[in-house]
PDB file of N, CA and C in Angstrom:
ATOM      1  N   UNK A   1       8.975 -13.013  -4.297  1.00  0.00           N
ATOM      2  CA  UNK A   1       8.747 -12.316  -3.523  1.00  0.00           C
ATOM      3  C   UNK A   1       9.901 -10.940  -3.598  1.00  0.00           C
ATOM      4  N   UNK A   2       8.866 -10.500  -3.234  1.00  0.00           N
ATOM      5  CA  UNK A   2       9.806  -9.111  -3.819  1.00  0.00           C
ATOM      6  C   UNK A   2      10.106  -8.365  -2.175  1.00  0.00           C
ATOM      7  N   UNK A   3      11.590  -7.731  -2.740  1.00  0.00           N
ATOM      8  CA  UNK A   3      12.565  -8.042  -1.135  1.00  0.00           C
ATOM      9  C   UNK A   3      12.355  -6.161  -1.175  1.00  0.00           C
ATOM     10  N   UNK A   4      11.874  -5.303  -0.935  1.00  0.00           N
ATOM     11  CA  UNK A   4      11.980  -3.806  -0.141  1.00  0.00           C
ATOM     12  C   UNK A   4      12.839  -3.305   0.926  1.00  0.00           C
ATOM     13  N   UNK A   5      13.655  -2.841   0.359  1.00  0.00           N
ATOM     14  CA  UNK A   5      14.166  -1.932   1.534  1.00  0.00           C
ATOM     15  C   UNK A   5      13.548  -0.150   1.526  1.00  0.00           C
ATOM     16  N   UNK A   6      13.651   0.040   2.724  1.00  0.00           N
ATOM     17  CA  UNK A   6      12.961   1.712   3.613  1.00  0.00           C
ATOM     18  C   UNK A   6      14.344   2.211   3.296  1.00  0.00           C
ATOM     19  N   UNK A   7      14.213   3.452   2.724  1.00  0.00           N
ATOM     20  CA  UNK A   7      15.835   4.361   2.981  1.00  0.00           C
ATOM     21  C   UNK A   7      14.807   5.830   3.736  1.00  0.00           C
ATOM     22  N   UNK A   8      15.363   6.038   4.707  1.00  0.00           N
ATOM     23  CA  UNK A   8      15.512   7.553   4.793  1.00  0.00           C
ATOM     24  C   UNK A   8      15.811   8.053   5.923  1.00  0.00           C
ATOM     25  N   UNK A   9      15.690   9.068   6.423  1.00  0.00           N
ATOM     26  CA  UNK A   9      16.945   9.467   7.860  1.00  0.00           C
ATOM     27  C   UNK A   9      16.344   9.001   8.804  1.00  0.00           C
ATOM     28  N   UNK A  10      17.714   8.685   9.587  1.00  0.00           N
ATOM     29  CA  UNK A  10      18.011   7.744  10.124  1.00  0.00           C
ATOM     30  C   UNK A  10      17.196   8.835  11.783  1.00  0.00           C
ATOM     31  N   UNK A  11      17.308   9.857  11.684  1.00  0.00           N
ATOM     32  CA  UNK A  11      16.660  10.973  13.124  1.00  0.00           C
ATOM     33  C   UNK A  11      14.791  10.221  13.148  1.00  0.00           C
ATOM     34  N   UNK A  12      14.486   9.532  12.196  1.00  0.00           N
ATOM     35  CA  UNK A  12      13.034   9.427  11.951  1.00  0.00           C
ATOM     36  C   UNK A  12      12.627   7.375  12.719  1.00  0.00           C
ATOM     37  N   UNK A  13      13.942   6.840  12.632  1.00  0.00           N
ATOM     38  CA  UNK A  13      13.868   6.085  13.582  1.00  0.00           C
ATOM     39  C   UNK A  13      13.429   5.551  14.587  1.00  0.00           C
ATOM     40  N   UNK A  14      12.569   4.156  14.995  1.00  0.00           N
ATOM     41  CA  UNK A  14      12.488   3.727  13.872  1.00  0.00           C
ATOM     42  C   UNK A  14      11.273   3.505  13.071  1.00  0.00           C
ATOM     43  N   UNK A  15      11.016   2.903  12.232  1.00  0.00           N
ATOM     44  CA  UNK A  15      10.266   2.803  10.871  1.00  0.00           C
ATOM     45  C   UNK A  15       9.313   1.293  11.610  1.00  0.00           C
ATOM     46  N   UNK A  16       8.215   1.357  11.326  1.00  0.00           N
ATOM     47  CA  UNK A  16       6.838   0.536  11.776  1.00  0.00           C
ATOM     48  C   UNK A  16       6.467   0.179  10.440  1.00  0.00           C
ATOM     49  N   UNK A  17       6.693  -0.767   9.834  1.00  0.00           N
ATOM     50  CA  UNK A  17       5.871  -1.522   8.734  1.00  0.00           C
ATOM     51  C   UNK A  17       4.389  -2.033   9.541  1.00  0.00           C
ATOM     52  N   UNK A  18       3.257  -1.481   8.966  1.00  0.00           N
ATOM     53  CA  UNK A  18       2.392  -1.722   9.285  1.00  0.00           C
ATOM     54  C   UNK A  18       1.326  -3.405   8.693  1.00  0.00           C
ATOM     55  N   UNK A  19       1.396  -2.892   7.862  1.00  0.00           N
ATOM     56  CA  UNK A  19       0.464  -3.903   6.811  1.00  0.00           C
ATOM     57  C   UNK A  19       1.799  -4.304   5.111  1.00  0.00           C
ATOM     58  N   UNK A  20       1.115  -6.147   4.940  1.00  0.00           N
ATOM     59  CA  UNK A  20       2.436  -6.091   4.129  1.00  0.00           C
ATOM     60  C   UNK A  20       1.164  -7.554   3.259  1.00  0.00           C
ATOM     61  N   UNK A  21       1.382  -6.788   1.936  1.00  0.00           N
ATOM     62  CA  UNK A  21       0.863  -8.095   0.752  1.00  0.00           C
ATOM     63  C   UNK A  21       1.018  -9.625   1.165  1.00  0.00           C
ATOM     64  N   UNK A  22      -0.136 -10.171   1.673  1.00  0.00           N
ATOM     65  CA  UNK A  22      -0.302 -11.746   1.837  1.00  0.00           C
ATOM     66  C   UNK A  22      -1.471 -12.286   1.626  1.00  0.00           C
ATOM     67  N   UNK A  23      -0.992 -13.644   0.403  1.00  0.00           N
ATOM     68  CA  UNK A  23      -2.432 -14.245  -0.281  1.00  0.00           C
ATOM     69  C   UNK A  23      -2.893 -14.821   1.291  1.00  0.00           C
ATOM     70  N   UNK A  24      -4.409 -14.773   0.977  1.00  0.00           N
ATOM     71  CA  UNK A  24      -5.218 -15.586   1.537  1.00  0.00           C
ATOM     72  C   UNK A  24      -5.603 -16.650   0.832  1.00  0.00           C
ATOM     73  N   UNK A  25      -5.178 -17.618   1.689  1.00  0.00           N
ATOM     74  CA  UNK A  25      -5.968 -19.319   0.305  1.00  0.00           C
ATOM     75  C   UNK A  25      -7.154 -19.893   0.387  1.00  0.00           C
ATOM     76  N   UNK A  26      -7.191 -19.957  -0.897  1.00  0.00           N
ATOM     77  CA  UNK A  26      -8.181 -20.145  -1.341  1.00  0.00           C
ATOM     78  C   UNK A  26      -9.271 -18.958  -1.799  1.00  0.00           C
ATOM     79  N   UNK A  27      -8.633 -17.715  -1.816  1.00  0.00           N
ATOM     80  CA  UNK A  27      -9.380 -16.709  -1.617  1.00  0.00           C
ATOM     81  C   UNK A  27      -8.274 -15.540  -2.814  1.00  0.00           C
ATOM     82  N   UNK A  28      -7.475 -15.855  -2.999  1.00  0.00           N
ATOM     83  CA  UNK A  28      -6.242 -15.032  -3.588  1.00  0.00           C
ATOM     84  C   UNK A  28      -6.490 -14.564  -4.677  1.00  0.00           C
ATOM     85  N   UNK A  29      -6.068 -13.118  -4.634  1.00  0.00           N
ATOM     86  CA  UNK A  29      -6.913 -12.198  -6.027  1.00  0.00           C
ATOM     87  C   UNK A  29      -8.444 -12.481  -6.594  1.00  0.00           C
ATOM     88  N   UNK A  30      -9.147 -12.686  -5.421  1.00  0.00           N
ATOM     89  CA  UNK A  30     -10.698 -12.592  -5.258  1.00  0.00           C
ATOM     90  C   UNK A  30     -11.032 -11.360  -4.884  1.00  0.00           C
ATOM     91  N   UNK A  31     -12.232 -10.840  -5.437  1.00  0.00           N
ATOM     92  CA  UNK A  31     -12.917  -9.610  -4.135  1.00  0.00           C
ATOM     93  C   UNK A  31     -13.118 -10.307  -3.309  1.00  0.00           C
ATOM     94  N   UNK A  32     -13.543 -11.026  -2.440  1.00  0.00           N
ATOM     95  CA  UNK A  32     -13.354 -11.464  -1.315  1.00  0.00           C
ATOM     96  C   UNK A  32     -12.659 -11.845  -0.598  1.00  0.00           C
ATOM     97  N   UNK A  33     -11.758 -12.261  -1.437  1.00  0.00           N
ATOM     98  CA  UNK A  33     -10.021 -12.190  -0.580  1.00  0.00           C
ATOM     99  C   UNK A  33      -9.447 -11.104  -0.277  1.00  0.00           C
ATOM    100  N   UNK A  34     -10.153  -9.682  -1.073  1.00  0.00           N
ATOM    101  CA  UNK A  34      -9.844  -8.802  -1.151  1.00  0.00           C
ATOM    102  C   UNK A  34     -10.268  -7.928  -0.022  1.00  0.00           C
ATOM    103  N   UNK A  35     -11.592  -8.040   0.333  1.00  0.00           N
ATOM    104  CA  UNK A  35     -12.005  -7.264   1.472  1.00  0.00           C
ATOM    105  C   UNK A  35     -12.125  -7.765   2.701  1.00  0.00           C
ATOM    106  N   UNK A  36     -11.628  -9.367   2.593  1.00  0.00           N
ATOM    107  CA  UNK A  36     -11.446  -9.693   3.972  1.00  0.00           C
ATOM    108  C   UNK A  36      -9.399  -8.879   4.591  1.00  0.00           C
ATOM    109  N   UNK A  37      -9.036  -9.275   3.736  1.00  0.00           N
ATOM    110  CA  UNK A  37      -7.719  -8.149   3.926  1.00  0.00           C
ATOM    111  C   UNK A  37      -8.092  -6.768   4.042  1.00  0.00           C
ATOM    112  N   UNK A  38      -8.369  -6.248   3.422  1.00  0.00           N
ATOM    113  CA  UNK A  38      -8.969  -4.973   3.656  1.00  0.00           C
ATOM    114  C   UNK A  38      -9.351  -4.563   4.728  1.00  0.00           C
ATOM    115  N   UNK A  39     -10.660  -5.140   5.353  1.00  0.00           N
ATOM    116  CA  UNK A  39     -11.216  -4.971   6.568  1.00  0.00           C
ATOM    117  C   UNK A  39     -10.263  -5.244   7.364  1.00  0.00           C
ATOM    118  N   UNK A  40      -9.730  -6.338   8.310  1.00  0.00           N
ATOM    119  CA  UNK A  40      -9.107  -6.840   8.756  1.00  0.00           C
ATOM    120  C   UNK A  40      -7.207  -6.255   8.876  1.00  0.00           C
ATOM    121  N   UNK A  41      -6.668  -5.709   7.840  1.00  0.00           N
ATOM    122  CA  UNK A  41      -5.373  -5.002   7.905  1.00  0.00           C
ATOM    123  C   UNK A  41      -5.653  -3.494   7.168  1.00  0.00           C
ATOM    124  N   UNK A  42      -5.318  -3.761   6.011  1.00  0.00           N
ATOM    125  CA  UNK A  42      -4.550  -2.687   5.252  1.00  0.00           C
ATOM    126  C   UNK A  42      -6.346  -1.013   5.487  1.00  0.00           C
ATOM    127  N   UNK A  43      -7.322  -1.784   5.827  1.00  0.00           N
ATOM    128  CA  UNK A  43      -8.167  -0.013   6.291  1.00  0.00           C
ATOM    129  C   UNK A  43      -7.276   0.886   7.675  1.00  0.00           C
ATOM    130  N   UNK A  44      -6.634  -0.442   8.692  1.00  0.00           N
ATOM    131  CA  UNK A  44      -6.542   0.264   9.556  1.00  0.00           C
ATOM    132  C   UNK A  44      -4.971   0.696   9.520  1.00  0.00           C
ATOM    133  N   UNK A  45      -4.348  -0.086   8.805  1.00  0.00           N
ATOM    134  CA  UNK A  45      -2.862   0.122   8.246  1.00  0.00           C
ATOM    135  C   UNK A  45      -3.286   1.799   7.695  1.00  0.00           C
ATOM    136  N   UNK A  46      -3.662   2.032   6.656  1.00  0.00           N
ATOM    137  CA  UNK A  46      -3.615   2.559   6.112  1.00  0.00           C
ATOM    138  C   UNK A  46      -4.204   4.060   7.079  1.00  0.00           C
ATOM    139  N   UNK A  47      -5.060   3.791   8.065  1.00  0.00           N
ATOM    140  CA  UNK A  47      -5.813   5.127   8.933  1.00  0.00           C
ATOM    141  C   UNK A  47      -4.500   5.486   9.600  1.00  0.00           C
ATOM    142  N   UNK A  48      -4.143   4.424   9.784  1.00  0.00           N
ATOM    143  CA  UNK A  48      -2.761   4.980  11.021  1.00  0.00           C
ATOM    144  C   UNK A  48      -1.488   5.386  10.097  1.00  0.00           C
ATOM    145  N   UNK A  49      -0.792   5.296   8.749  1.00  0.00           N
ATOM    146  CA  UNK A  49      -0.175   5.289   7.951  1.00  0.00           C
ATOM    147  C   UNK A  49       0.561   7.425   8.120  1.00  0.00           C
ATOM    148  N   UNK A  50       1.671   7.724   7.529  1.00  0.00           N
ATOM    149  CA  UNK A  50       1.656   8.643   7.730  1.00  0.00           C
ATOM    150  C   UNK A  50       2.283   8.917   6.041  1.00  0.00           C
ATOM    151  N   UNK A  51       2.641   7.725   5.831  1.00  0.00           N
ATOM    152  CA  UNK A  51       2.669   7.624   4.216  1.00  0.00           C
ATOM    153  C   UNK A  51       2.595   6.447   3.724  1.00  0.00           C
ATOM    154  N   UNK A  52       1.767   6.495   2.447  1.00  0.00           N
ATOM    155  CA  UNK A  52       1.756   5.171   1.464  1.00  0.00           C
ATOM    156  C   UNK A  52       2.560   4.700   0.658  1.00  0.00           C
ATOM    157  N   UNK A  53       3.033   3.564   1.050  1.00  0.00           N
ATOM    158  CA  UNK A  53       4.098   3.282  -0.359  1.00  0.00           C
ATOM    159  C   UNK A  53       3.459   1.866  -1.195  1.00  0.00           C
ATOM    160  N   UNK A  54       3.857   2.721  -2.421  1.00  0.00           N
ATOM    161  CA  UNK A  54       2.469   1.518  -3.455  1.00  0.00           C
ATOM    162  C   UNK A  54       3.721   0.917  -4.374  1.00  0.00           C
ATOM    163  N   UNK A  55       4.375  -0.271  -4.332  1.00  0.00           N
ATOM    164  CA  UNK A  55       4.970  -1.320  -4.997  1.00  0.00           C
ATOM    165  C   UNK A  55       4.139  -2.029  -6.063  1.00  0.00           C
ATOM    166  N   UNK A  56       4.289  -1.048  -7.201  1.00  0.00           N
ATOM    167  CA  UNK A  56       3.404  -1.748  -8.337  1.00  0.00           C
ATOM    168  C   UNK A  56       4.417  -1.824  -9.702  1.00  0.00           C
ATOM    169  N   UNK A  57       5.921  -3.088  -9.463  1.00  0.00           N
ATOM    170  CA  UNK A  57       6.318  -2.998 -10.808  1.00  0.00           C
ATOM    171  C   UNK A  57       5.508  -3.138 -11.845  1.00  0.00           C
ATOM    172  N   UNK A  58       4.606  -3.896 -12.211  1.00  0.00           N
ATOM    173  CA  UNK A  58       4.360  -4.100 -13.568  1.00  0.00           C
ATOM    174  C   UNK A  58       2.210  -4.060 -13.458  1.00  0.00           C
ATOM    175  N   UNK A  59       2.559  -2.871 -12.645  1.00  0.00           N
ATOM    176  CA  UNK A  59       1.494  -1.661 -12.760  1.00  0.00           C
ATOM    177  C   UNK A  59       0.668  -1.956 -11.683  1.00  0.00           C
ATOM    178  N   UNK A  60      -0.471  -0.531 -11.571  1.00  0.00           N
ATOM    179  CA  UNK A  60      -1.767  -0.642 -10.276  1.00  0.00           C
ATOM    180  C   UNK A  60      -2.953  -1.574 -11.014  1.00  0.00           C
ATOM    181  N   UNK A  61      -2.969  -2.806  -9.900  1.00  0.00           N
ATOM    182  CA  UNK A  61      -4.512  -3.580 -10.278  1.00  0.00           C
ATOM    183  C   UNK A  61      -5.303  -3.482  -9.728  1.00  0.00           C
ATOM    184  N   UNK A  62      -7.085  -4.089  -9.608  1.00  0.00           N
ATOM    185  CA  UNK A  62      -8.113  -3.273  -9.498  1.00  0.00           C
ATOM    186  C   UNK A  62      -7.893  -3.161  -7.513  1.00  0.00           C
ATOM    187  N   UNK A  63      -7.881  -4.161  -7.282  1.00  0.00           N
ATOM    188  CA  UNK A  63      -7.266  -4.168  -5.501  1.00  0.00           C
ATOM    189  C   UNK A  63      -6.350  -2.814  -4.939  1.00  0.00           C
ATOM    190  N   UNK A  64      -5.517  -2.928  -5.729  1.00  0.00           N
ATOM    191  CA  UNK A  64      -4.593  -1.889  -5.476  1.00  0.00           C
ATOM    192  C   UNK A  64      -4.868  -0.669  -5.436  1.00  0.00           C
ATOM    193  N   UNK A  65      -5.634  -0.003  -6.883  1.00  0.00           N
ATOM    194  CA  UNK A  65      -5.998   1.162  -7.096  1.00  0.00           C
ATOM    195  C   UNK A  65      -7.455   1.455  -5.321  1.00  0.00           C
ATOM    196  N   UNK A  66      -8.675   0.501  -5.169  1.00  0.00           N
ATOM    197  CA  UNK A  66      -8.812   0.857  -4.055  1.00  0.00           C
ATOM    198  C   UNK A  66      -8.577   1.552  -3.102  1.00  0.00           C
ATOM    199  N   UNK A  67      -7.303   0.804  -2.303  1.00  0.00           N
ATOM    200  CA  UNK A  67      -6.230   0.848  -1.817  1.00  0.00           C
ATOM    201  C   UNK A  67      -6.089   2.403  -2.301  1.00  0.00           C
ATOM    202  N   UNK A  68      -5.294   2.580  -3.059  1.00  0.00           N
ATOM    203  CA  UNK A  68      -4.834   3.924  -3.251  1.00  0.00           C
ATOM    204  C   UNK A  68      -6.279   4.931  -2.815  1.00  0.00           C
ATOM    205  N   UNK A  69      -7.794   4.878  -3.600  1.00  0.00           N
ATOM    206  CA  UNK A  69      -8.680   5.464  -3.778  1.00  0.00           C
ATOM    207  C   UNK A  69      -8.420   6.188  -1.911  1.00  0.00           C
ATOM    208  N   UNK A  70      -8.439   4.440  -1.290  1.00  0.00           N
ATOM    209  CA  UNK A  70      -9.109   4.931   0.430  1.00  0.00           C
ATOM    210  C   UNK A  70      -7.937   6.360   1.043  1.00  0.00           C
ATOM    211  N   UNK A  71      -6.737   5.705   0.424  1.00  0.00           N
ATOM    212  CA  UNK A  71      -5.771   6.384   1.545  1.00  0.00           C
ATOM    213  C   UNK A  71      -5.688   7.792   0.718  1.00  0.00           C
ATOM    214  N   UNK A  72      -6.226   8.115  -0.241  1.00  0.00           N
ATOM    215  CA  UNK A  72      -6.649   9.956  -1.196  1.00  0.00           C
ATOM    216  C   UNK A  72      -7.677   9.970   0.213  1.00  0.00           C
ATOM    217  N   UNK A  73      -8.765   8.980   0.177  1.00  0.00           N
ATOM    218  CA  UNK A  73      -9.430  10.342   0.886  1.00  0.00           C
ATOM    219  C   UNK A  73      -9.272  10.294   2.270  1.00  0.00           C
ATOM    220  N   UNK A  74      -8.399   9.402   2.681  1.00  0.00           N
ATOM    221  CA  UNK A  74      -7.480   9.939   4.171  1.00  0.00           C
ATOM    222  C   UNK A  74      -7.000  10.624   4.510  1.00  0.00           C
ATOM    223  N   UNK A  75      -6.420  11.294   2.779  1.00  0.00           N
ATOM    224  CA  UNK A  75      -5.374  12.370   2.545  1.00  0.00           C
ATOM    225  C   UNK A  75      -4.184  12.212   3.683  1.00  0.00           C
ATOM    226  N   UNK A  76      -4.144  10.975   2.673  1.00  0.00           N
ATOM    227  CA  UNK A  76      -2.770  10.678   2.968  1.00  0.00           C
ATOM    228  C   UNK A  76      -1.734  10.738   1.555  1.00  0.00           C
ATOM    229  N   UNK A  77      -0.107  10.746   2.524  1.00  0.00           N
ATOM    230  CA  UNK A  77       0.727  11.150   1.273  1.00  0.00           C
ATOM    231  C   UNK A  77       0.760   9.591   0.701  1.00  0.00           C
ATOM    232  N   UNK A  78       0.702   9.334  -0.870  1.00  0.00           N
ATOM    233  CA  UNK A  78       1.085   8.183  -1.313  1.00  0.00           C
ATOM    234  C   UNK A  78       2.072   8.001  -2.197  1.00  0.00           C
ATOM    235  N   UNK A  79       3.139   7.370  -2.543  1.00  0.00           N
ATOM    236  CA  UNK A  79       4.119   7.507  -3.492  1.00  0.00           C
ATOM    237  C   UNK A  79       3.994   5.457  -3.782  1.00  0.00           C
ATOM    238  N   UNK A  80       4.345   5.941  -5.343  1.00  0.00           N
ATOM    239  CA  UNK A  80       3.991   5.098  -6.432  1.00  0.00           C
ATOM    240  C   UNK A  80       5.397   4.300  -7.374  1.00  0.00           C
ATOM    241  N   UNK A  81       5.579   3.314  -6.372  1.00  0.00           N
ATOM    242  CA  UNK A  81       7.049   2.839  -6.803  1.00  0.00           C
ATOM    243  C   UNK A  81       6.451   1.892  -8.358  1.00  0.00           C
ATOM    244  N   UNK A  82       6.999   2.180  -9.514  1.00  0.00           N
ATOM    245  CA  UNK A  82       6.377   1.562 -10.486  1.00  0.00           C
ATOM    246  C   UNK A  82       8.278   1.327 -11.165  1.00  0.00           C
ATOM    247  N   UNK A  83       8.554  -0.130 -12.227  1.00  0.00           N
ATOM    248  CA  UNK A  83       9.377  -0.341 -12.523  1.00  0.00           C
ATOM    249  C   UNK A  83       9.870   0.550 -13.174  1.00  0.00           C
ATOM    250  N   UNK A  84       9.741   1.691 -14.067  1.00  0.00           N
ATOM    251  CA  UNK A  84      10.635   2.733 -14.559  1.00  0.00           C
ATOM    252  C   UNK A  84      10.289   4.132 -14.381  1.00  0.00           C
ATOM    253  N   UNK A  85       8.935   4.067 -12.948  1.00  0.00           N
ATOM    254  CA  UNK A  85       9.353   5.516 -12.270  1.00  0.00           C
ATOM    255  C   UNK A  85       8.634   5.511 -10.789  1.00  0.00           C
ATOM    256  N   UNK A  86       9.328   6.788 -10.226  1.00  0.00           N
ATOM    257  CA  UNK A  86       8.902   6.533  -8.936  1.00  0.00           C
ATOM    258  C   UNK A  86       7.739   7.906  -8.995  1.00  0.00           C
ATOM    259  N   UNK A  87       6.566   8.319  -8.144  1.00  0.00           N
ATOM    260  CA  UNK A  87       5.584   9.695  -8.731  1.00  0.00           C
ATOM    261  C   UNK A  87       4.296   9.140  -7.002  1.00  0.00           C
ATOM    262  N   UNK A  88       4.240  10.292  -7.593  1.00  0.00           N
ATOM    263  CA  UNK A  88       3.306  10.738  -6.212  1.00  0.00           C
ATOM    264  C   UNK A  88       1.678  10.684  -6.294  1.00  0.00           C
ATOM    265  N   UNK A  89       1.194  10.453  -6.065  1.00  0.00           N
ATOM    266  CA  UNK A  89      -0.439  10.677  -6.176  1.00  0.00           C
ATOM    267  C   UNK A  89      -0.913  11.534  -5.332  1.00  0.00           C
ATOM    268  N   UNK A  90      -1.602  12.708  -6.388  1.00  0.00           N
ATOM    269  CA  UNK A  90      -2.218  13.795  -5.896  1.00  0.00           C
ATOM    270  C   UNK A  90      -3.406  13.734  -6.185  1.00  0.00           C
ATOM    271  N   UNK A  91      -3.927  14.209  -4.779  1.00  0.00           N
ATOM    272  CA  UNK A  91      -5.350  14.245  -4.560  1.00  0.00           C
ATOM    273  C   UNK A  91      -6.498  15.126  -5.459  1.00  0.00           C
ATOM    274  N   UNK A  92      -7.536  14.339  -5.910  1.00  0.00           N
ATOM    275  CA  UNK A  92      -8.225  15.398  -7.506  1.00  0.00           C
ATOM    276  C   UNK A  92      -8.780  16.517  -6.405  1.00  0.00           C
TER     277      UNK A  92
END
């Protein structure tokens, strides 16, 4: 289980975490499970977010890529945290 610390200027507090990845029993890592999670949690969270942080230490998988593409369509700032680098996704 990854432990994530969000660092930022105290003048912006309080921070509100809108959604985190959680396994859906019996549907984990399936397209159906992804669609349920996206429609019930991540779509709204991405729409409400000011910034989208992507924690991807082992690379970006298919479902995470879909979320990134949706966030880009929503004109969100996207910061991607990988094992060896941190970078920002840019709009096409």
